[in-house]
């Protein structure tokens, strides 16, 4: 196969989208272009991202694939039309949090030095466990309150490596464009609540609904 059509996404729009400011395609590929697809849904505007490396031999093959997925795509359009994806990550500065726990544990006193040492170590261990458990509970509460401002919300597994050990929450939210300000205000409220407590909240978006183009995994 000397050439191929790379299908990036489907765009539902009342008119052909402008690609004037679109980024260049992959190295060695031509610039992105729009190919006509029949009307998929009655109302709304949405971008349906495709899986990575969705390749076809020709434009016609790409269109055949889309037409064959018509019912599923209609359902997706209905679900994500007029909505955007936002990401929220909550991290814990575990070193600072555990240092606070150790400092609190050192307030213990006893007449017997050996007993004091053992009690302090036990309290440090208990305090460290409580810090992590409390932090996870706080992240769960943040997720529930912010999710109340979205039409759908999904938690994602933490990223690999050291950063993943600090991630208490990595979540995606499907937010109607008309409710973006209320959603952002809810995130700012949670940020203020956790200010100065060794937490870091990061909000990203808006994105196409990458996370919500697939059905949620069964619990």
C-alpha atoms as a PDB file:
ATOM      1  CA  UNK A   1       0.000   0.000   0.000  1.00  0.00           C
ATOM      2  CA  UNK A   2       1.817   3.120  -1.248  1.00  0.00           C
ATOM      3  CA  UNK A   3      -0.744   5.608   0.075  1.00  0.00           C
ATOM      4  CA  UNK A   4      -3.358   5.611   2.804  1.00  0.00           C
ATOM      5  CA  UNK A   5      -6.086   7.818   4.223  1.00  0.00           C
ATOM      6  CA  UNK A   6      -5.604   8.627   7.910  1.00  0.00           C
ATOM      7  CA  UNK A   7      -8.978   9.387   9.498  1.00  0.00           C
ATOM      8  CA  UNK A   8      -8.340  11.743  12.418  1.00  0.00           C
ATOM      9  CA  UNK A   9     -11.891  12.496  13.478  1.00  0.00           C
ATOM     10  CA  UNK A  10     -15.481  13.068  12.438  1.00  0.00           C
ATOM     11  CA  UNK A  11     -16.881  16.592  12.598  1.00  0.00           C
ATOM     12  CA  UNK A  12     -20.585  17.244  12.767  1.00  0.00           C
ATOM     13  CA  UNK A  13     -21.194  20.834  11.665  1.00  0.00           C
ATOM     14  CA  UNK A  14     -23.840  22.751   9.695  1.00  0.00           C
ATOM     15  CA  UNK A  15     -21.113  23.797   7.222  1.00  0.00           C
ATOM     16  CA  UNK A  16     -17.768  22.498   6.054  1.00  0.00           C
ATOM     17  CA  UNK A  17     -15.172  23.232   8.774  1.00  0.00           C
ATOM     18  CA  UNK A  18     -12.301  25.547   7.921  1.00  0.00           C
ATOM     19  CA  UNK A  19      -8.876  23.884   8.035  1.00  0.00           C
ATOM     20  CA  UNK A  20      -6.918  27.067   7.365  1.00  0.00           C
ATOM     21  CA  UNK A  21      -5.346  27.089  10.846  1.00  0.00           C
ATOM     22  CA  UNK A  22      -5.167  23.323  11.295  1.00  0.00           C
ATOM     23  CA  UNK A  23      -1.715  21.935  12.200  1.00  0.00           C
ATOM     24  CA  UNK A  24       0.283  20.066   9.587  1.00  0.00           C
ATOM     25  CA  UNK A  25      -0.260  16.352   9.236  1.00  0.00           C
ATOM     26  CA  UNK A  26       2.192  13.579  10.061  1.00  0.00           C
ATOM     27  CA  UNK A  27       5.712  13.772   8.568  1.00  0.00           C
ATOM     28  CA  UNK A  28       5.551  12.765   4.937  1.00  0.00           C
ATOM     29  CA  UNK A  29       1.776  13.183   4.804  1.00  0.00           C
ATOM     30  CA  UNK A  30      -0.302  15.832   3.105  1.00  0.00           C
ATOM     31  CA  UNK A  31      -2.091  18.573   5.006  1.00  0.00           C
ATOM     32  CA  UNK A  32      -5.356  17.621   6.731  1.00  0.00           C
ATOM     33  CA  UNK A  33      -8.429  17.958   4.529  1.00  0.00           C
ATOM     34  CA  UNK A  34     -12.157  17.457   4.886  1.00  0.00           C
ATOM     35  CA  UNK A  35     -14.003  14.779   2.926  1.00  0.00           C
ATOM     36  CA  UNK A  36     -17.788  14.854   2.619  1.00  0.00           C
ATOM     37  CA  UNK A  37     -19.737  12.599   4.987  1.00  0.00           C
ATOM     38  CA  UNK A  38     -23.517  12.368   4.936  1.00  0.00           C
ATOM     39  CA  UNK A  39     -25.491  14.118   7.671  1.00  0.00           C
ATOM     40  CA  UNK A  40     -25.208  12.125  10.896  1.00  0.00           C
ATOM     41  CA  UNK A  41     -27.536  13.803  13.367  1.00  0.00           C
ATOM     42  CA  UNK A  42     -30.209  16.465  13.388  1.00  0.00           C
ATOM     43  CA  UNK A  43     -28.841  18.979  15.849  1.00  0.00           C
ATOM     44  CA  UNK A  44     -25.698  19.975  17.689  1.00  0.00           C
ATOM     45  CA  UNK A  45     -22.042  20.228  16.817  1.00  0.00           C
ATOM     46  CA  UNK A  46     -19.458  17.665  17.839  1.00  0.00           C
ATOM     47  CA  UNK A  47     -16.023  16.309  17.091  1.00  0.00           C
ATOM     48  CA  UNK A  48     -15.724  12.539  17.372  1.00  0.00           C
ATOM     49  CA  UNK A  49     -12.040  11.573  17.697  1.00  0.00           C
ATOM     50  CA  UNK A  50     -11.014   8.310  16.061  1.00  0.00           C
ATOM     51  CA  UNK A  51      -8.653   5.721  17.487  1.00  0.00           C
ATOM     52  CA  UNK A  52      -4.962   6.299  16.915  1.00  0.00           C
ATOM     53  CA  UNK A  53      -3.763   5.173  13.452  1.00  0.00           C
ATOM     54  CA  UNK A  54      -7.217   4.690  11.922  1.00  0.00           C
ATOM     55  CA  UNK A  55      -5.966   4.053   8.385  1.00  0.00           C
ATOM     56  CA  UNK A  56      -7.764   3.179   5.140  1.00  0.00           C
ATOM     57  CA  UNK A  57      -6.535   2.461   1.639  1.00  0.00           C
ATOM     58  CA  UNK A  58      -8.664   5.195   0.091  1.00  0.00           C
ATOM     59  CA  UNK A  59     -11.085   7.989   0.987  1.00  0.00           C
ATOM     60  CA  UNK A  60     -13.902   5.777  -0.249  1.00  0.00           C
ATOM     61  CA  UNK A  61     -12.948   3.034   2.213  1.00  0.00           C
ATOM     62  CA  UNK A  62     -12.951   5.610   5.024  1.00  0.00           C
ATOM     63  CA  UNK A  63     -16.426   6.786   4.040  1.00  0.00           C
ATOM     64  CA  UNK A  64     -17.698   3.213   3.858  1.00  0.00           C
ATOM     65  CA  UNK A  65     -16.425   2.610   7.376  1.00  0.00           C
ATOM     66  CA  UNK A  66     -18.176   5.710   8.678  1.00  0.00           C
ATOM     67  CA  UNK A  67     -21.447   4.775   6.983  1.00  0.00           C
ATOM     68  CA  UNK A  68     -21.213   1.271   8.424  1.00  0.00           C
ATOM     69  CA  UNK A  69     -20.907   2.767  11.902  1.00  0.00           C
ATOM     70  CA  UNK A  70     -23.830   5.135  11.339  1.00  0.00           C
ATOM     71  CA  UNK A  71     -25.994   4.063  14.306  1.00  0.00           C
ATOM     72  CA  UNK A  72     -23.120   4.072  16.783  1.00  0.00           C
ATOM     73  CA  UNK A  73     -21.926   7.458  15.544  1.00  0.00           C
ATOM     74  CA  UNK A  74     -25.444   8.884  15.825  1.00  0.00           C
ATOM     75  CA  UNK A  75     -25.526   7.775  19.462  1.00  0.00           C
ATOM     76  CA  UNK A  76     -22.129   9.371  20.059  1.00  0.00           C
ATOM     77  CA  UNK A  77     -23.224  12.627  18.480  1.00  0.00           C
ATOM     78  CA  UNK A  78     -26.285  12.641  20.693  1.00  0.00           C
ATOM     79  CA  UNK A  79     -24.167  12.053  23.789  1.00  0.00           C
ATOM     80  CA  UNK A  80     -21.274  14.452  23.196  1.00  0.00           C
ATOM     81  CA  UNK A  81     -22.827  17.089  20.929  1.00  0.00           C
ATOM     82  CA  UNK A  82     -22.481  20.581  22.401  1.00  0.00           C
ATOM     83  CA  UNK A  83     -20.137  19.268  25.095  1.00  0.00           C
ATOM     84  CA  UNK A  84     -16.410  19.407  25.807  1.00  0.00           C
ATOM     85  CA  UNK A  85     -14.022  17.256  27.760  1.00  0.00           C
ATOM     86  CA  UNK A  86     -12.117  18.725  30.709  1.00  0.00           C
ATOM     87  CA  UNK A  87      -9.423  16.961  32.701  1.00  0.00           C
ATOM     88  CA  UNK A  88      -8.760  17.356  36.409  1.00  0.00           C
ATOM     89  CA  UNK A  89      -5.746  15.973  38.225  1.00  0.00           C
ATOM     90  CA  UNK A  90      -5.184  16.121  41.986  1.00  0.00           C
ATOM     91  CA  UNK A  91      -1.671  15.473  43.274  1.00  0.00           C
ATOM     92  CA  UNK A  92      -0.372  15.166  46.804  1.00  0.00           C
ATOM     93  CA  UNK A  93       3.014  16.438  47.896  1.00  0.00           C
ATOM     94  CA  UNK A  94       3.556  13.292  49.921  1.00  0.00           C
ATOM     95  CA  UNK A  95       6.955  14.356  51.281  1.00  0.00           C
ATOM     96  CA  UNK A  96       5.528  17.570  52.747  1.00  0.00           C
ATOM     97  CA  UNK A  97       2.424  15.812  54.052  1.00  0.00           C
ATOM     98  CA  UNK A  98       4.436  13.085  55.801  1.00  0.00           C
ATOM     99  CA  UNK A  99       6.801  15.680  57.231  1.00  0.00           C
ATOM    100  CA  UNK A 100       3.824  17.398  58.835  1.00  0.00           C
ATOM    101  CA  UNK A 101       2.674  14.051  60.223  1.00  0.00           C
ATOM    102  CA  UNK A 102       6.113  13.361  61.730  1.00  0.00           C
ATOM    103  CA  UNK A 103       6.266  16.820  63.277  1.00  0.00           C
ATOM    104  CA  UNK A 104       2.879  16.273  64.885  1.00  0.00           C
ATOM    105  CA  UNK A 105       3.995  12.867  66.163  1.00  0.00           C
ATOM    106  CA  UNK A 106       7.042  14.363  67.872  1.00  0.00           C
ATOM    107  CA  UNK A 107       4.833  16.231  70.343  1.00  0.00           C
ATOM    108  CA  UNK A 108       4.482  12.977  72.318  1.00  0.00           C
ATOM    109  CA  UNK A 109       6.314  12.931  75.681  1.00  0.00           C
ATOM    110  CA  UNK A 110       7.111  10.248  78.263  1.00  0.00           C
ATOM    111  CA  UNK A 111       9.253   9.839  81.369  1.00  0.00           C
ATOM    112  CA  UNK A 112      10.884   6.710  79.923  1.00  0.00           C
ATOM    113  CA  UNK A 113      13.055   7.587  76.865  1.00  0.00           C
ATOM    114  CA  UNK A 114      12.702   4.124  75.316  1.00  0.00           C
ATOM    115  CA  UNK A 115       8.952   4.166  75.668  1.00  0.00           C
ATOM    116  CA  UNK A 116       8.793   7.664  74.212  1.00  0.00           C
ATOM    117  CA  UNK A 117      10.785   6.549  71.166  1.00  0.00           C
ATOM    118  CA  UNK A 118       8.549   3.557  70.487  1.00  0.00           C
ATOM    119  CA  UNK A 119       5.393   5.582  70.976  1.00  0.00           C
ATOM    120  CA  UNK A 120       6.674   8.306  68.661  1.00  0.00           C
ATOM    121  CA  UNK A 121       7.550   5.811  65.917  1.00  0.00           C
ATOM    122  CA  UNK A 122       4.139   4.196  66.202  1.00  0.00           C
ATOM    123  CA  UNK A 123       2.431   7.554  66.048  1.00  0.00           C
ATOM    124  CA  UNK A 124       4.514   8.527  63.012  1.00  0.00           C
ATOM    125  CA  UNK A 125       3.501   5.310  61.252  1.00  0.00           C
ATOM    126  CA  UNK A 126      -0.181   5.755  62.133  1.00  0.00           C
ATOM    127  CA  UNK A 127      -0.124   9.423  61.141  1.00  0.00           C
ATOM    128  CA  UNK A 128       1.467   8.620  57.768  1.00  0.00           C
ATOM    129  CA  UNK A 129      -1.207   6.027  57.039  1.00  0.00           C
ATOM    130  CA  UNK A 130      -3.929   8.474  58.060  1.00  0.00           C
ATOM    131  CA  UNK A 131      -2.461  11.200  55.839  1.00  0.00           C
ATOM    132  CA  UNK A 132      -2.642   9.009  52.739  1.00  0.00           C
ATOM    133  CA  UNK A 133      -6.099   7.674  53.574  1.00  0.00           C
ATOM    134  CA  UNK A 134      -7.403  11.161  54.305  1.00  0.00           C
ATOM    135  CA  UNK A 135      -5.907  12.497  51.068  1.00  0.00           C
ATOM    136  CA  UNK A 136      -7.611   9.780  49.023  1.00  0.00           C
ATOM    137  CA  UNK A 137     -10.919  10.511  50.717  1.00  0.00           C
ATOM    138  CA  UNK A 138     -10.535  14.211  49.941  1.00  0.00           C
ATOM    139  CA  UNK A 139      -9.841  13.403  46.299  1.00  0.00           C
ATOM    140  CA  UNK A 140     -12.970  11.233  46.163  1.00  0.00           C
ATOM    141  CA  UNK A 141     -15.000  14.119  47.564  1.00  0.00           C
ATOM    142  CA  UNK A 142     -13.530  16.519  45.002  1.00  0.00           C
ATOM    143  CA  UNK A 143     -14.462  14.120  42.204  1.00  0.00           C
ATOM    144  CA  UNK A 144     -18.062  13.780  43.382  1.00  0.00           C
ATOM    145  CA  UNK A 145     -18.615  17.516  43.793  1.00  0.00           C
ATOM    146  CA  UNK A 146     -17.063  18.459  40.457  1.00  0.00           C
ATOM    147  CA  UNK A 147     -18.828  15.586  38.664  1.00  0.00           C
ATOM    148  CA  UNK A 148     -22.139  17.078  39.811  1.00  0.00           C
ATOM    149  CA  UNK A 149     -21.438  19.977  37.408  1.00  0.00           C
ATOM    150  CA  UNK A 150     -20.858  17.661  34.416  1.00  0.00           C
ATOM    151  CA  UNK A 151     -23.042  15.414  32.303  1.00  0.00           C
ATOM    152  CA  UNK A 152     -20.625  12.511  32.683  1.00  0.00           C
ATOM    153  CA  UNK A 153     -17.388  11.854  34.553  1.00  0.00           C
ATOM    154  CA  UNK A 154     -14.837   9.062  34.475  1.00  0.00           C
ATOM    155  CA  UNK A 155     -11.804   8.331  36.601  1.00  0.00           C
ATOM    156  CA  UNK A 156      -8.659   7.233  34.796  1.00  0.00           C
ATOM    157  CA  UNK A 157      -5.783   5.082  36.086  1.00  0.00           C
ATOM    158  CA  UNK A 158      -2.777   7.091  37.278  1.00  0.00           C
ATOM    159  CA  UNK A 159       0.095   7.530  34.836  1.00  0.00           C
ATOM    160  CA  UNK A 160       3.135   5.247  35.159  1.00  0.00           C
ATOM    161  CA  UNK A 161       6.321   6.279  36.931  1.00  0.00           C
ATOM    162  CA  UNK A 162       6.973   8.468  39.937  1.00  0.00           C
ATOM    163  CA  UNK A 163       4.287  11.006  39.055  1.00  0.00           C
ATOM    164  CA  UNK A 164       1.675   8.268  39.249  1.00  0.00           C
ATOM    165  CA  UNK A 165       2.498   7.646  42.904  1.00  0.00           C
ATOM    166  CA  UNK A 166       1.475  11.220  43.718  1.00  0.00           C
ATOM    167  CA  UNK A 167      -1.759  11.202  41.723  1.00  0.00           C
ATOM    168  CA  UNK A 168      -4.830  11.003  43.931  1.00  0.00           C
ATOM    169  CA  UNK A 169      -7.254  11.726  41.114  1.00  0.00           C
ATOM    170  CA  UNK A 170      -7.021  11.734  37.337  1.00  0.00           C
ATOM    171  CA  UNK A 171     -10.477  12.263  35.880  1.00  0.00           C
ATOM    172  CA  UNK A 172     -12.263  13.436  32.745  1.00  0.00           C
ATOM    173  CA  UNK A 173     -15.542  15.345  32.727  1.00  0.00           C
ATOM    174  CA  UNK A 174     -18.018  15.829  29.899  1.00  0.00           C
ATOM    175  CA  UNK A 175     -19.310  19.371  30.280  1.00  0.00           C
ATOM    176  CA  UNK A 176     -21.985  21.185  28.240  1.00  0.00           C
ATOM    177  CA  UNK A 177     -20.548  24.347  26.719  1.00  0.00           C
ATOM    178  CA  UNK A 178     -23.376  26.297  28.338  1.00  0.00           C
ATOM    179  CA  UNK A 179     -22.208  25.153  31.797  1.00  0.00           C
ATOM    180  CA  UNK A 180     -18.458  25.675  31.389  1.00  0.00           C
ATOM    181  CA  UNK A 181     -18.315  28.692  33.722  1.00  0.00           C
ATOM    182  CA  UNK A 182     -20.188  26.867  36.481  1.00  0.00           C
ATOM    183  CA  UNK A 183     -17.888  23.870  36.096  1.00  0.00           C
ATOM    184  CA  UNK A 184     -14.752  26.024  36.252  1.00  0.00           C
ATOM    185  CA  UNK A 185     -16.130  27.840  39.307  1.00  0.00           C
ATOM    186  CA  UNK A 186     -16.625  24.490  41.055  1.00  0.00           C
ATOM    187  CA  UNK A 187     -12.998  23.560  40.368  1.00  0.00           C
ATOM    188  CA  UNK A 188     -11.801  26.936  41.698  1.00  0.00           C
ATOM    189  CA  UNK A 189     -13.814  26.359  44.871  1.00  0.00           C
ATOM    190  CA  UNK A 190     -12.149  22.993  45.424  1.00  0.00           C
ATOM    191  CA  UNK A 191      -8.730  24.542  44.747  1.00  0.00           C
ATOM    192  CA  UNK A 192      -9.315  27.162  47.428  1.00  0.00           C
ATOM    193  CA  UNK A 193     -10.431  24.503  49.916  1.00  0.00           C
ATOM    194  CA  UNK A 194      -7.190  22.573  49.460  1.00  0.00           C
ATOM    195  CA  UNK A 195      -4.871  25.592  49.285  1.00  0.00           C
ATOM    196  CA  UNK A 196      -1.903  25.289  51.637  1.00  0.00           C
ATOM    197  CA  UNK A 197      -2.593  21.615  52.418  1.00  0.00           C
ATOM    198  CA  UNK A 198       0.038  19.949  50.233  1.00  0.00           C
ATOM    199  CA  UNK A 199      -2.386  19.376  47.334  1.00  0.00           C
ATOM    200  CA  UNK A 200      -2.102  20.523  43.729  1.00  0.00           C
ATOM    201  CA  UNK A 201      -5.113  20.709  41.410  1.00  0.00           C
ATOM    202  CA  UNK A 202      -4.605  21.047  37.650  1.00  0.00           C
ATOM    203  CA  UNK A 203      -7.459  21.658  35.213  1.00  0.00           C
ATOM    204  CA  UNK A 204      -6.923  21.116  31.471  1.00  0.00           C
ATOM    205  CA  UNK A 205      -9.196  21.620  28.491  1.00  0.00           C
ATOM    206  CA  UNK A 206     -11.372  22.027  26.668  1.00  0.00           C
ATOM    207  CA  UNK A 207     -10.686  18.951  24.546  1.00  0.00           C
ATOM    208  CA  UNK A 208     -12.695  16.874  22.105  1.00  0.00           C
ATOM    209  CA  UNK A 209     -14.465  14.131  24.032  1.00  0.00           C
ATOM    210  CA  UNK A 210     -11.661  11.538  23.714  1.00  0.00           C
ATOM    211  CA  UNK A 211     -12.619   9.739  26.916  1.00  0.00           C
ATOM    212  CA  UNK A 212     -16.336   9.598  26.166  1.00  0.00           C
ATOM    213  CA  UNK A 213     -16.369   8.148  22.656  1.00  0.00           C
ATOM    214  CA  UNK A 214     -16.152   4.663  24.151  1.00  0.00           C
ATOM    215  CA  UNK A 215     -18.656   3.017  26.459  1.00  0.00           C
ATOM    216  CA  UNK A 216     -17.670   3.017  30.143  1.00  0.00           C
ATOM    217  CA  UNK A 217     -16.106  -0.172  31.458  1.00  0.00           C
ATOM    218  CA  UNK A 218     -18.452  -2.296  33.579  1.00  0.00           C
ATOM    219  CA  UNK A 219     -17.939  -1.956  37.311  1.00  0.00           C
END
